[in-house]
Amino acid sequence: MNEILDIVALVLILIGALLCLTAAIGLLRFRDVPSRLHAATKPQVLGLLLICIAVALSLRSWPVVAFLVPVVLIQMATAPLSAHMVGRQAYRNGTIDERSLFVDELDESRRTPPAAGG
């Protein structure tokens, strides 16, 4: 049984590392901000989750699981928030190609000055 868990942990680490690598390559290769945000959040968070599961499986210890659960939860909470803030700032700076937006929900807030209360 230990050998099977070690093989599963190895496969999970390899898949997680591959996902983290694709996230890094996506950050370097993609040209626009929404594509880079997608590459920075989705595969990276899933890769970290798989690596944490693999570490928990390979070490088979409850204190390790207790340590990894907050790591995963914090990552899952902060990655979407940071992506939202970066995307919002890119929109405000005008670095997002507006022709690629299907619906521009922030168009009205752009026309209203920040001090106007809108």
PDB file of N, CA and C in Angstrom:
ATOM      1  N   MET A   1       0.830  -1.209   0.000  1.00  0.00           N
ATOM      2  CA  MET A   1       0.000   0.000   0.000  1.00  0.00           C
ATOM      3  C   MET A   1       0.865   1.259   0.000  1.00  0.00           C
ATOM      4  N   ASN A   2       1.987   1.229   0.717  1.00  0.00           N
ATOM      5  CA  ASN A   2       2.868   2.394   0.756  1.00  0.00           C
ATOM      6  C   ASN A   2       3.453   2.702  -0.609  1.00  0.00           C
ATOM      7  N   GLU A   3       3.755   1.653  -1.379  1.00  0.00           N
ATOM      8  CA  GLU A   3       4.317   1.873  -2.711  1.00  0.00           C
ATOM      9  C   GLU A   3       3.290   2.533  -3.632  1.00  0.00           C
ATOM     10  N   ILE A   4       2.047   2.137  -3.507  1.00  0.00           N
ATOM     11  CA  ILE A   4       0.997   2.732  -4.338  1.00  0.00           C
ATOM     12  C   ILE A   4       0.815   4.210  -3.990  1.00  0.00           C
ATOM     13  N   LEU A   5       0.809   4.532  -2.705  1.00  0.00           N
ATOM     14  CA  LEU A   5       0.677   5.935  -2.302  1.00  0.00           C
ATOM     15  C   LEU A   5       1.880   6.758  -2.757  1.00  0.00           C
ATOM     16  N   ASP A   6       3.067   6.148  -2.741  1.00  0.00           N
ATOM     17  CA  ASP A   6       4.252   6.865  -3.223  1.00  0.00           C
ATOM     18  C   ASP A   6       4.180   7.116  -4.726  1.00  0.00           C
ATOM     19  N   ILE A   7       3.669   6.161  -5.476  1.00  0.00           N
ATOM     20  CA  ILE A   7       3.521   6.346  -6.922  1.00  0.00           C
ATOM     21  C   ILE A   7       2.468   7.411  -7.223  1.00  0.00           C
ATOM     22  N   VAL A   8       1.366   7.384  -6.483  1.00  0.00           N
ATOM     23  CA  VAL A   8       0.330   8.412  -6.666  1.00  0.00           C
ATOM     24  C   VAL A   8       0.894   9.788  -6.324  1.00  0.00           C
ATOM     25  N   ALA A   9       1.670   9.883  -5.243  1.00  0.00           N
ATOM     26  CA  ALA A   9       2.287  11.155  -4.869  1.00  0.00           C
ATOM     27  C   ALA A   9       3.257  11.631  -5.943  1.00  0.00           C
ATOM     28  N   LEU A  10       4.017  10.713  -6.519  1.00  0.00           N
ATOM     29  CA  LEU A  10       4.946  11.077  -7.581  1.00  0.00           C
ATOM     30  C   LEU A  10       4.215  11.616  -8.804  1.00  0.00           C
ATOM     31  N   VAL A  11       3.145  10.949  -9.189  1.00  0.00           N
ATOM     32  CA  VAL A  11       2.364  11.401 -10.346  1.00  0.00           C
ATOM     33  C   VAL A  11       1.747  12.773 -10.074  1.00  0.00           C
ATOM     34  N   LEU A  12       1.216  12.963  -8.859  1.00  0.00           N
ATOM     35  CA  LEU A  12       0.623  14.264  -8.523  1.00  0.00           C
ATOM     36  C   LEU A  12       1.666  15.373  -8.526  1.00  0.00           C
ATOM     37  N   ILE A  13       2.860  15.094  -8.028  1.00  0.00           N
ATOM     38  CA  ILE A  13       3.914  16.112  -8.035  1.00  0.00           C
ATOM     39  C   ILE A  13       4.317  16.444  -9.471  1.00  0.00           C
ATOM     40  N   LEU A  14       4.426  15.438 -10.314  1.00  0.00           N
ATOM     41  CA  LEU A  14       4.790  15.705 -11.701  1.00  0.00           C
ATOM     42  C   LEU A  14       3.722  16.526 -12.419  1.00  0.00           C
ATOM     43  N   ILE A  15       2.459  16.183 -12.213  1.00  0.00           N
ATOM     44  CA  ILE A  15       1.379  16.950 -12.848  1.00  0.00           C
ATOM     45  C   ILE A  15       1.336  18.375 -12.287  1.00  0.00           C
ATOM     46  N   GLY A  16       1.478  18.516 -10.971  1.00  0.00           N
ATOM     47  CA  GLY A  16       1.480  19.844 -10.359  1.00  0.00           C
ATOM     48  C   GLY A  16       2.642  20.690 -10.839  1.00  0.00           C
ATOM     49  N   ALA A  17       3.829  20.076 -10.957  1.00  0.00           N
ATOM     50  CA  ALA A  17       4.988  20.815 -11.456  1.00  0.00           C
ATOM     51  C   ALA A  17       4.799  21.215 -12.910  1.00  0.00           C
ATOM     52  N   LEU A  18       4.186  20.346 -13.693  1.00  0.00           N
ATOM     53  CA  LEU A  18       3.911  20.672 -15.092  1.00  0.00           C
ATOM     54  C   LEU A  18       2.925  21.835 -15.199  1.00  0.00           C
ATOM     55  N   LEU A  19       1.909  21.829 -14.342  1.00  0.00           N
ATOM     56  CA  LEU A  19       0.952  22.944 -14.348  1.00  0.00           C
ATOM     57  C   LEU A  19       1.617  24.257 -13.931  1.00  0.00           C
ATOM     58  N   CYS A  20       2.470  24.211 -12.925  1.00  0.00           N
ATOM     59  CA  CYS A  20       3.184  25.421 -12.508  1.00  0.00           C
ATOM     60  C   CYS A  20       4.120  25.911 -13.608  1.00  0.00           C
ATOM     61  N   LEU A  21       4.743  24.977 -14.321  1.00  0.00           N
ATOM     62  CA  LEU A  21       5.611  25.359 -15.431  1.00  0.00           C
ATOM     63  C   LEU A  21       4.813  26.006 -16.560  1.00  0.00           C
ATOM     64  N   THR A  22       3.654  25.443 -16.880  1.00  0.00           N
ATOM     65  CA  THR A  22       2.836  26.052 -17.929  1.00  0.00           C
ATOM     66  C   THR A  22       2.331  27.429 -17.517  1.00  0.00           C
ATOM     67  N   ALA A  23       2.072  27.620 -16.224  1.00  0.00           N
ATOM     68  CA  ALA A  23       1.669  28.946 -15.753  1.00  0.00           C
ATOM     69  C   ALA A  23       2.801  29.945 -15.940  1.00  0.00           C
ATOM     70  N   ALA A  24       4.017  29.544 -15.639  1.00  0.00           N
ATOM     71  CA  ALA A  24       5.164  30.443 -15.810  1.00  0.00           C
ATOM     72  C   ALA A  24       5.397  30.748 -17.283  1.00  0.00           C
ATOM     73  N   ILE A  25       5.285  29.743 -18.130  1.00  0.00           N
ATOM     74  CA  ILE A  25       5.459  29.978 -19.567  1.00  0.00           C
ATOM     75  C   ILE A  25       4.354  30.879 -20.098  1.00  0.00           C
ATOM     76  N   GLY A  26       3.132  30.674 -19.608  1.00  0.00           N
ATOM     77  CA  GLY A  26       2.025  31.526 -20.033  1.00  0.00           C
ATOM     78  C   GLY A  26       2.220  32.977 -19.637  1.00  0.00           C
ATOM     79  N   LEU A  27       2.779  33.207 -18.467  1.00  0.00           N
ATOM     80  CA  LEU A  27       3.052  34.584 -18.055  1.00  0.00           C
ATOM     81  C   LEU A  27       4.061  35.254 -18.987  1.00  0.00           C
ATOM     82  N   LEU A  28       4.998  34.481 -19.470  1.00  0.00           N
ATOM     83  CA  LEU A  28       6.013  35.058 -20.344  1.00  0.00           C
ATOM     84  C   LEU A  28       5.546  35.189 -21.788  1.00  0.00           C
ATOM     85  N   ARG A  29       4.752  34.263 -22.262  1.00  0.00           N
ATOM     86  CA  ARG A  29       4.419  34.207 -23.676  1.00  0.00           C
ATOM     87  C   ARG A  29       3.158  34.974 -24.067  1.00  0.00           C
ATOM     88  N   PHE A  30       2.165  35.027 -23.177  1.00  0.00           N
ATOM     89  CA  PHE A  30       0.915  35.693 -23.544  1.00  0.00           C
ATOM     90  C   PHE A  30       1.126  37.196 -23.619  1.00  0.00           C
ATOM     91  N   ARG A  31       0.378  37.829 -24.512  1.00  0.00           N
ATOM     92  CA  ARG A  31       0.586  39.253 -24.769  1.00  0.00           C
ATOM     93  C   ARG A  31      -0.331  40.175 -23.968  1.00  0.00           C
ATOM     94  N   ASP A  32      -1.586  39.784 -23.764  1.00  0.00           N
ATOM     95  CA  ASP A  32      -2.511  40.705 -23.114  1.00  0.00           C
ATOM     96  C   ASP A  32      -2.733  40.318 -21.652  1.00  0.00           C
ATOM     97  N   VAL A  33      -3.246  41.280 -20.915  1.00  0.00           N
ATOM     98  CA  VAL A  33      -3.415  41.124 -19.468  1.00  0.00           C
ATOM     99  C   VAL A  33      -4.407  40.017 -19.100  1.00  0.00           C
ATOM    100  N   PRO A  34      -5.581  39.906 -19.728  1.00  0.00           N
ATOM    101  CA  PRO A  34      -6.493  38.827 -19.327  1.00  0.00           C
ATOM    102  C   PRO A  34      -5.902  37.434 -19.539  1.00  0.00           C
ATOM    103  N   SER A  35      -5.171  37.240 -20.597  1.00  0.00           N
ATOM    104  CA  SER A  35      -4.545  35.930 -20.824  1.00  0.00           C
ATOM    105  C   SER A  35      -3.474  35.652 -19.780  1.00  0.00           C
ATOM    106  N   ARG A  36      -2.706  36.660 -19.440  1.00  0.00           N
ATOM    107  CA  ARG A  36      -1.679  36.477 -18.411  1.00  0.00           C
ATOM    108  C   ARG A  36      -2.307  36.211 -17.048  1.00  0.00           C
ATOM    109  N   LEU A  37      -3.415  36.878 -16.746  1.00  0.00           N
ATOM    110  CA  LEU A  37      -4.090  36.629 -15.482  1.00  0.00           C
ATOM    111  C   LEU A  37      -4.619  35.205 -15.413  1.00  0.00           C
ATOM    112  N   HIS A  38      -5.145  34.732 -16.520  1.00  0.00           N
ATOM    113  CA  HIS A  38      -5.622  33.352 -16.570  1.00  0.00           C
ATOM    114  C   HIS A  38      -4.469  32.386 -16.320  1.00  0.00           C
ATOM    115  N   ALA A  39      -3.334  32.641 -16.959  1.00  0.00           N
ATOM    116  CA  ALA A  39      -2.174  31.769 -16.785  1.00  0.00           C
ATOM    117  C   ALA A  39      -1.606  31.866 -15.371  1.00  0.00           C
ATOM    118  N   ALA A  40      -1.724  33.024 -14.754  1.00  0.00           N
ATOM    119  CA  ALA A  40      -1.145  33.198 -13.420  1.00  0.00           C
ATOM    120  C   ALA A  40      -1.993  32.582 -12.324  1.00  0.00           C
ATOM    121  N   THR A  41      -3.278  32.444 -12.541  1.00  0.00           N
ATOM    122  CA  THR A  41      -4.135  31.984 -11.448  1.00  0.00           C
ATOM    123  C   THR A  41      -4.560  30.535 -11.574  1.00  0.00           C
ATOM    124  N   LYS A  42      -5.164  30.160 -12.665  1.00  0.00           N
ATOM    125  CA  LYS A  42      -5.796  28.835 -12.729  1.00  0.00           C
ATOM    126  C   LYS A  42      -4.814  27.676 -12.698  1.00  0.00           C
ATOM    127  N   PRO A  43      -3.867  27.569 -13.622  1.00  0.00           N
ATOM    128  CA  PRO A  43      -2.984  26.403 -13.538  1.00  0.00           C
ATOM    129  C   PRO A  43      -2.048  26.453 -12.340  1.00  0.00           C
ATOM    130  N   GLN A  44      -1.681  27.639 -11.911  1.00  0.00           N
ATOM    131  CA  GLN A  44      -0.759  27.742 -10.782  1.00  0.00           C
ATOM    132  C   GLN A  44      -1.419  27.277  -9.495  1.00  0.00           C
ATOM    133  N   VAL A  45      -2.648  27.668  -9.260  1.00  0.00           N
ATOM    134  CA  VAL A  45      -3.356  27.255  -8.043  1.00  0.00           C
ATOM    135  C   VAL A  45      -3.624  25.750  -8.068  1.00  0.00           C
ATOM    136  N   LEU A  46      -4.035  25.230  -9.209  1.00  0.00           N
ATOM    137  CA  LEU A  46      -4.273  23.795  -9.308  1.00  0.00           C
ATOM    138  C   LEU A  46      -2.968  23.016  -9.141  1.00  0.00           C
ATOM    139  N   GLY A  47      -1.878  23.526  -9.709  1.00  0.00           N
ATOM    140  CA  GLY A  47      -0.581  22.877  -9.542  1.00  0.00           C
ATOM    141  C   GLY A  47      -0.140  22.846  -8.088  1.00  0.00           C
ATOM    142  N   LEU A  48      -0.322  23.959  -7.389  1.00  0.00           N
ATOM    143  CA  LEU A  48       0.030  23.988  -5.964  1.00  0.00           C
ATOM    144  C   LEU A  48      -0.845  23.037  -5.169  1.00  0.00           C
ATOM    145  N   LEU A  49      -2.122  22.967  -5.483  1.00  0.00           N
ATOM    146  CA  LEU A  49      -3.032  22.057  -4.799  1.00  0.00           C
ATOM    147  C   LEU A  49      -2.590  20.610  -4.993  1.00  0.00           C
ATOM    148  N   LEU A  50      -2.240  20.241  -6.212  1.00  0.00           N
ATOM    149  CA  LEU A  50      -1.796  18.873  -6.479  1.00  0.00           C
ATOM    150  C   LEU A  50      -0.485  18.565  -5.760  1.00  0.00           C
ATOM    151  N   ILE A  51       0.426  19.518  -5.730  1.00  0.00           N
ATOM    152  CA  ILE A  51       1.696  19.306  -5.038  1.00  0.00           C
ATOM    153  C   ILE A  51       1.468  19.156  -3.540  1.00  0.00           C
ATOM    154  N   CYS A  52       0.582  19.950  -2.969  1.00  0.00           N
ATOM    155  CA  CYS A  52       0.292  19.836  -1.536  1.00  0.00           C
ATOM    156  C   CYS A  52      -0.361  18.496  -1.201  1.00  0.00           C
ATOM    157  N   ILE A  53      -1.257  18.028  -2.053  1.00  0.00           N
ATOM    158  CA  ILE A  53      -1.859  16.709  -1.839  1.00  0.00           C
ATOM    159  C   ILE A  53      -0.789  15.629  -1.915  1.00  0.00           C
ATOM    160  N   ALA A  54       0.130  15.763  -2.854  1.00  0.00           N
ATOM    161  CA  ALA A  54       1.203  14.779  -2.988  1.00  0.00           C
ATOM    162  C   ALA A  54       2.120  14.775  -1.776  1.00  0.00           C
ATOM    163  N   VAL A  55       2.437  15.953  -1.256  1.00  0.00           N
ATOM    164  CA  VAL A  55       3.278  16.019  -0.059  1.00  0.00           C
ATOM    165  C   VAL A  55       2.568  15.380   1.127  1.00  0.00           C
ATOM    166  N   ALA A  56       1.280  15.650   1.266  1.00  0.00           N
ATOM    167  CA  ALA A  56       0.518  15.045   2.365  1.00  0.00           C
ATOM    168  C   ALA A  56       0.454  13.526   2.225  1.00  0.00           C
ATOM    169  N   LEU A  57       0.301  13.037   0.995  1.00  0.00           N
ATOM    170  CA  LEU A  57       0.271  11.591   0.781  1.00  0.00           C
ATOM    171  C   LEU A  57       1.623  10.944   1.050  1.00  0.00           C
ATOM    172  N   SER A  58       2.680  11.607   0.658  1.00  0.00           N
ATOM    173  CA  SER A  58       3.990  10.988   0.818  1.00  0.00           C
ATOM    174  C   SER A  58       4.478  11.029   2.258  1.00  0.00           C
ATOM    175  N   LEU A  59       4.145  12.060   3.004  1.00  0.00           N
ATOM    176  CA  LEU A  59       4.610  12.150   4.396  1.00  0.00           C
ATOM    177  C   LEU A  59       3.679  11.459   5.385  1.00  0.00           C
ATOM    178  N   ARG A  60       2.395  11.347   5.033  1.00  0.00           N
ATOM    179  CA  ARG A  60       1.407  10.630   5.847  1.00  0.00           C
ATOM    180  C   ARG A  60       1.426  11.067   7.318  1.00  0.00           C
ATOM    181  N   SER A  61       1.289  12.359   7.515  1.00  0.00           N
ATOM    182  CA  SER A  61       1.331  12.904   8.871  1.00  0.00           C
ATOM    183  C   SER A  61       0.259  13.979   9.017  1.00  0.00           C
ATOM    184  N   TRP A  62      -0.480  13.928  10.116  1.00  0.00           N
ATOM    185  CA  TRP A  62      -1.532  14.926  10.344  1.00  0.00           C
ATOM    186  C   TRP A  62      -0.978  16.330  10.572  1.00  0.00           C
ATOM    187  N   PRO A  63       0.157  16.501  11.254  1.00  0.00           N
ATOM    188  CA  PRO A  63       0.689  17.868  11.358  1.00  0.00           C
ATOM    189  C   PRO A  63       1.051  18.479  10.004  1.00  0.00           C
ATOM    190  N   VAL A  64       1.486  17.649   9.074  1.00  0.00           N
ATOM    191  CA  VAL A  64       1.785  18.156   7.728  1.00  0.00           C
ATOM    192  C   VAL A  64       0.498  18.606   7.047  1.00  0.00           C
ATOM    193  N   VAL A  65      -0.550  17.822   7.178  1.00  0.00           N
ATOM    194  CA  VAL A  65      -1.846  18.193   6.591  1.00  0.00           C
ATOM    195  C   VAL A  65      -2.356  19.479   7.231  1.00  0.00           C
ATOM    196  N   ALA A  66      -2.195  19.587   8.548  1.00  0.00           N
ATOM    197  CA  ALA A  66      -2.625  20.800   9.251  1.00  0.00           C
ATOM    198  C   ALA A  66      -1.833  22.021   8.789  1.00  0.00           C
ATOM    199  N   PHE A  67      -0.611  21.816   8.360  1.00  0.00           N
ATOM    200  CA  PHE A  67       0.189  22.923   7.845  1.00  0.00           C
ATOM    201  C   PHE A  67      -0.188  23.260   6.403  1.00  0.00           C
ATOM    202  N   LEU A  68      -0.509  22.252   5.598  1.00  0.00           N
ATOM    203  CA  LEU A  68      -0.775  22.468   4.179  1.00  0.00           C
ATOM    204  C   LEU A  68      -2.168  23.020   3.898  1.00  0.00           C
ATOM    205  N   VAL A  69      -3.124  22.720   4.748  1.00  0.00           N
ATOM    206  CA  VAL A  69      -4.488  23.206   4.524  1.00  0.00           C
ATOM    207  C   VAL A  69      -4.551  24.740   4.524  1.00  0.00           C
ATOM    208  N   PRO A  70      -3.953  25.428   5.501  1.00  0.00           N
ATOM    209  CA  PRO A  70      -3.974  26.897   5.408  1.00  0.00           C
ATOM    210  C   PRO A  70      -3.205  27.443   4.205  1.00  0.00           C
ATOM    211  N   VAL A  71      -2.141  26.756   3.810  1.00  0.00           N
ATOM    212  CA  VAL A  71      -1.385  27.201   2.634  1.00  0.00           C
ATOM    213  C   VAL A  71      -2.284  27.182   1.406  1.00  0.00           C
ATOM    214  N   VAL A  72      -3.014  26.098   1.225  1.00  0.00           N
ATOM    215  CA  VAL A  72      -3.905  25.975   0.069  1.00  0.00           C
ATOM    216  C   VAL A  72      -5.047  26.974   0.162  1.00  0.00           C
ATOM    217  N   LEU A  73      -5.631  27.116   1.336  1.00  0.00           N
ATOM    218  CA  LEU A  73      -6.751  28.046   1.490  1.00  0.00           C
ATOM    219  C   LEU A  73      -6.328  29.488   1.237  1.00  0.00           C
ATOM    220  N   ILE A  74      -5.169  29.871   1.734  1.00  0.00           N
ATOM    221  CA  ILE A  74      -4.688  31.240   1.518  1.00  0.00           C
ATOM    222  C   ILE A  74      -4.400  31.461   0.037  1.00  0.00           C
ATOM    223  N   GLN A  75      -3.804  30.462  -0.606  1.00  0.00           N
ATOM    224  CA  GLN A  75      -3.535  30.592  -2.045  1.00  0.00           C
ATOM    225  C   GLN A  75      -4.829  30.703  -2.836  1.00  0.00           C
ATOM    226  N   MET A  76      -5.821  29.906  -2.477  1.00  0.00           N
ATOM    227  CA  MET A  76      -7.095  29.950  -3.201  1.00  0.00           C
ATOM    228  C   MET A  76      -7.853  31.246  -2.942  1.00  0.00           C
ATOM    229  N   ALA A  77      -7.576  31.894  -1.818  1.00  0.00           N
ATOM    230  CA  ALA A  77      -8.236  33.169  -1.523  1.00  0.00           C
ATOM    231  C   ALA A  77      -7.508  34.348  -2.154  1.00  0.00           C
ATOM    232  N   THR A  78      -6.178  34.311  -2.162  1.00  0.00           N
ATOM    233  CA  THR A  78      -5.439  35.482  -2.628  1.00  0.00           C
ATOM    234  C   THR A  78      -5.213  35.513  -4.128  1.00  0.00           C
ATOM    235  N   ALA A  79      -5.152  34.374  -4.793  1.00  0.00           N
ATOM    236  CA  ALA A  79      -4.910  34.383  -6.243  1.00  0.00           C
ATOM    237  C   ALA A  79      -6.034  35.070  -7.013  1.00  0.00           C
ATOM    238  N   PRO A  80      -7.308  34.760  -6.765  1.00  0.00           N
ATOM    239  CA  PRO A  80      -8.355  35.488  -7.494  1.00  0.00           C
ATOM    240  C   PRO A  80      -8.426  36.966  -7.119  1.00  0.00           C
ATOM    241  N   LEU A  81      -8.171  37.280  -5.858  1.00  0.00           N
ATOM    242  CA  LEU A  81      -8.211  38.688  -5.448  1.00  0.00           C
ATOM    243  C   LEU A  81      -7.102  39.493  -6.106  1.00  0.00           C
ATOM    244  N   SER A  82      -5.907  38.942  -6.137  1.00  0.00           N
ATOM    245  CA  SER A  82      -4.813  39.674  -6.772  1.00  0.00           C
ATOM    246  C   SER A  82      -5.031  39.783  -8.282  1.00  0.00           C
ATOM    247  N   ALA A  83      -5.575  38.741  -8.895  1.00  0.00           N
ATOM    248  CA  ALA A  83      -5.867  38.813 -10.329  1.00  0.00           C
ATOM    249  C   ALA A  83      -6.933  39.867 -10.607  1.00  0.00           C
ATOM    250  N   HIS A  84      -7.922  39.961  -9.742  1.00  0.00           N
ATOM    251  CA  HIS A  84      -8.960  40.980  -9.907  1.00  0.00           C
ATOM    252  C   HIS A  84      -8.362  42.383  -9.811  1.00  0.00           C
ATOM    253  N   MET A  85      -7.502  42.584  -8.837  1.00  0.00           N
ATOM    254  CA  MET A  85      -6.911  43.915  -8.669  1.00  0.00           C
ATOM    255  C   MET A  85      -5.993  44.279  -9.839  1.00  0.00           C
ATOM    256  N   VAL A  86      -5.219  43.317 -10.324  1.00  0.00           N
ATOM    257  CA  VAL A  86      -4.348  43.587 -11.472  1.00  0.00           C
ATOM    258  C   VAL A  86      -5.189  43.868 -12.716  1.00  0.00           C
ATOM    259  N   GLY A  87      -6.241  43.093 -12.927  1.00  0.00           N
ATOM    260  CA  GLY A  87      -7.111  43.320 -14.078  1.00  0.00           C
ATOM    261  C   GLY A  87      -7.815  44.658 -14.016  1.00  0.00           C
ATOM    262  N   ARG A  88      -8.259  45.027 -12.835  1.00  0.00           N
ATOM    263  CA  ARG A  88      -8.941  46.319 -12.677  1.00  0.00           C
ATOM    264  C   ARG A  88      -7.989  47.486 -12.949  1.00  0.00           C
ATOM    265  N   GLN A  89      -6.755  47.360 -12.444  1.00  0.00           N
ATOM    266  CA  GLN A  89      -5.777  48.418 -12.682  1.00  0.00           C
ATOM    267  C   GLN A  89      -5.376  48.483 -14.155  1.00  0.00           C
ATOM    268  N   ALA A  90      -5.281  47.336 -14.804  1.00  0.00           N
ATOM    269  CA  ALA A  90      -4.966  47.332 -16.236  1.00  0.00           C
ATOM    270  C   ALA A  90      -6.093  47.984 -17.027  1.00  0.00           C
ATOM    271  N   TYR A  91      -7.320  47.764 -16.600  1.00  0.00           N
ATOM    272  CA  TYR A  91      -8.452  48.415 -17.273  1.00  0.00           C
ATOM    273  C   TYR A  91      -8.389  49.923 -17.080  1.00  0.00           C
ATOM    274  N   ARG A  92      -8.088  50.351 -15.865  1.00  0.00           N
ATOM    275  CA  ARG A  92      -8.012  51.792 -15.600  1.00  0.00           C
ATOM    276  C   ARG A  92      -6.871  52.449 -16.359  1.00  0.00           C
ATOM    277  N   ASN A  93      -5.759  51.728 -16.510  1.00  0.00           N
ATOM    278  CA  ASN A  93      -4.620  52.290 -17.241  1.00  0.00           C
ATOM    279  C   ASN A  93      -4.827  52.279 -18.745  1.00  0.00           C
ATOM    280  N   GLY A  94      -5.808  51.522 -19.211  1.00  0.00           N
ATOM    281  CA  GLY A  94      -6.066  51.437 -20.637  1.00  0.00           C
ATOM    282  C   GLY A  94      -5.173  50.443 -21.358  1.00  0.00           C
ATOM    283  N   THR A  95      -4.603  49.496 -20.641  1.00  0.00           N
ATOM    284  CA  THR A  95      -3.732  48.507 -21.281  1.00  0.00           C
ATOM    285  C   THR A  95      -4.487  47.264 -21.741  1.00  0.00           C
ATOM    286  N   ILE A  96      -5.793  47.218 -21.524  1.00  0.00           N
ATOM    287  CA  ILE A  96      -6.615  46.114 -22.018  1.00  0.00           C
ATOM    288  C   ILE A  96      -7.212  46.522 -23.353  1.00  0.00           C
ATOM    289  N   ASP A  97      -7.160  45.618 -24.315  1.00  0.00           N
ATOM    290  CA  ASP A  97      -7.740  45.867 -25.634  1.00  0.00           C
ATOM    291  C   ASP A  97      -9.263  45.854 -25.493  1.00  0.00           C
ATOM    292  N   GLU A  98      -9.875  47.004 -25.595  1.00  0.00           N
ATOM    293  CA  GLU A  98     -11.315  47.117 -25.367  1.00  0.00           C
ATOM    294  C   GLU A  98     -12.135  46.441 -26.462  1.00  0.00           C
ATOM    295  N   ARG A  99     -11.553  46.214 -27.613  1.00  0.00           N
ATOM    296  CA  ARG A  99     -12.283  45.519 -28.670  1.00  0.00           C
ATOM    297  C   ARG A  99     -12.494  44.050 -28.332  1.00  0.00           C
ATOM    298  N   SER A 100     -11.648  43.504 -27.466  1.00  0.00           N
ATOM    299  CA  SER A 100     -11.788  42.090 -27.100  1.00  0.00           C
ATOM    300  C   SER A 100     -12.807  41.866 -25.989  1.00  0.00           C
ATOM    301  N   LEU A 101     -13.322  42.939 -25.386  1.00  0.00           N
ATOM    302  CA  LEU A 101     -14.315  42.809 -24.324  1.00  0.00           C
ATOM    303  C   LEU A 101     -15.705  42.626 -24.941  1.00  0.00           C
ATOM    304  N   PHE A 102     -16.416  41.615 -24.498  1.00  0.00           N
ATOM    305  CA  PHE A 102     -17.779  41.411 -24.988  1.00  0.00           C
ATOM    306  C   PHE A 102     -18.742  42.365 -24.297  1.00  0.00           C
ATOM    307  N   VAL A 103     -18.609  42.491 -22.979  1.00  0.00           N
ATOM    308  CA  VAL A 103     -19.435  43.397 -22.186  1.00  0.00           C
ATOM    309  C   VAL A 103     -18.492  44.242 -21.344  1.00  0.00           C
ATOM    310  N   ASP A 104     -18.664  45.534 -21.395  1.00  0.00           N
ATOM    311  CA  ASP A 104     -17.821  46.440 -20.618  1.00  0.00           C
ATOM    312  C   ASP A 104     -18.633  46.956 -19.443  1.00  0.00           C
ATOM    313  N   GLU A 105     -18.573  46.237 -18.324  1.00  0.00           N
ATOM    314  CA  GLU A 105     -19.370  46.606 -17.156  1.00  0.00           C
ATOM    315  C   GLU A 105     -18.806  47.809 -16.412  1.00  0.00           C
ATOM    316  N   LEU A 106     -17.571  48.168 -16.692  1.00  0.00           N
ATOM    317  CA  LEU A 106     -16.940  49.277 -15.980  1.00  0.00           C
ATOM    318  C   LEU A 106     -16.922  50.567 -16.794  1.00  0.00           C
ATOM    319  N   ASP A 107     -17.597  50.581 -17.936  1.00  0.00           N
ATOM    320  CA  ASP A 107     -17.569  51.764 -18.792  1.00  0.00           C
ATOM    321  C   ASP A 107     -18.165  52.977 -18.089  1.00  0.00           C
ATOM    322  N   GLU A 108     -19.260  52.771 -17.356  1.00  0.00           N
ATOM    323  CA  GLU A 108     -19.888  53.901 -16.660  1.00  0.00           C
ATOM    324  C   GLU A 108     -18.995  54.443 -15.556  1.00  0.00           C
ATOM    325  N   SER A 109     -18.287  53.566 -14.842  1.00  0.00           N
ATOM    326  CA  SER A 109     -17.414  54.041 -13.771  1.00  0.00           C
ATOM    327  C   SER A 109     -16.197  54.774 -14.329  1.00  0.00           C
ATOM    328  N   ARG A 110     -15.832  54.508 -15.566  1.00  0.00           N
ATOM    329  CA  ARG A 110     -14.711  55.214 -16.170  1.00  0.00           C
ATOM    330  C   ARG A 110     -15.091  56.657 -16.493  1.00  0.00           C
ATOM    331  N   ARG A 111     -16.339  56.861 -16.875  1.00  0.00           N
ATOM    332  CA  ARG A 111     -16.778  58.207 -17.235  1.00  0.00           C
ATOM    333  C   ARG A 111     -17.064  59.066 -16.014  1.00  0.00           C
ATOM    334  N   THR A 112     -17.364  58.427 -14.859  1.00  0.00           N
ATOM    335  CA  THR A 112     -17.646  59.167 -13.640  1.00  0.00           C
ATOM    336  C   THR A 112     -16.345  59.440 -12.890  1.00  0.00           C
ATOM    337  N   PRO A 113     -16.038  60.671 -12.533  1.00  0.00           N
ATOM    338  CA  PRO A 113     -14.816  60.939 -11.780  1.00  0.00           C
ATOM    339  C   PRO A 113     -14.881  60.253 -10.412  1.00  0.00           C
ATOM    340  N   PRO A 114     -13.745  59.801  -9.889  1.00  0.00           N
ATOM    341  CA  PRO A 114     -13.752  59.090  -8.599  1.00  0.00           C
ATOM    342  C   PRO A 114     -14.285  59.929  -7.445  1.00  0.00           C
ATOM    343  N   ALA A 115     -14.077  61.223  -7.472  1.00  0.00           N
ATOM    344  CA  ALA A 115     -14.527  62.074  -6.368  1.00  0.00           C
ATOM    345  C   ALA A 115     -15.998  62.429  -6.476  1.00  0.00           C
ATOM    346  N   ALA A 116     -16.670  62.009  -7.551  1.00  0.00           N
ATOM    347  CA  ALA A 116     -18.080  62.363  -7.749  1.00  0.00           C
ATOM    348  C   ALA A 116     -19.017  61.448  -6.983  1.00  0.00           C
ATOM    349  N   GLY A 117     -18.477  60.423  -6.341  1.00  0.00           N
ATOM    350  CA  GLY A 117     -19.309  59.526  -5.552  1.00  0.00           C
ATOM    351  C   GLY A 117     -19.935  58.422  -6.372  1.00  0.00           C
ATOM    352  N   GLY A 118     -19.525  58.225  -7.604  1.00  0.00           N
ATOM    353  CA  GLY A 118     -20.124  57.222  -8.463  1.00  0.00           C
ATOM    354  C   GLY A 118     -19.318  56.004  -8.649  1.00  0.00           C
TER     355      GLY A 118
END
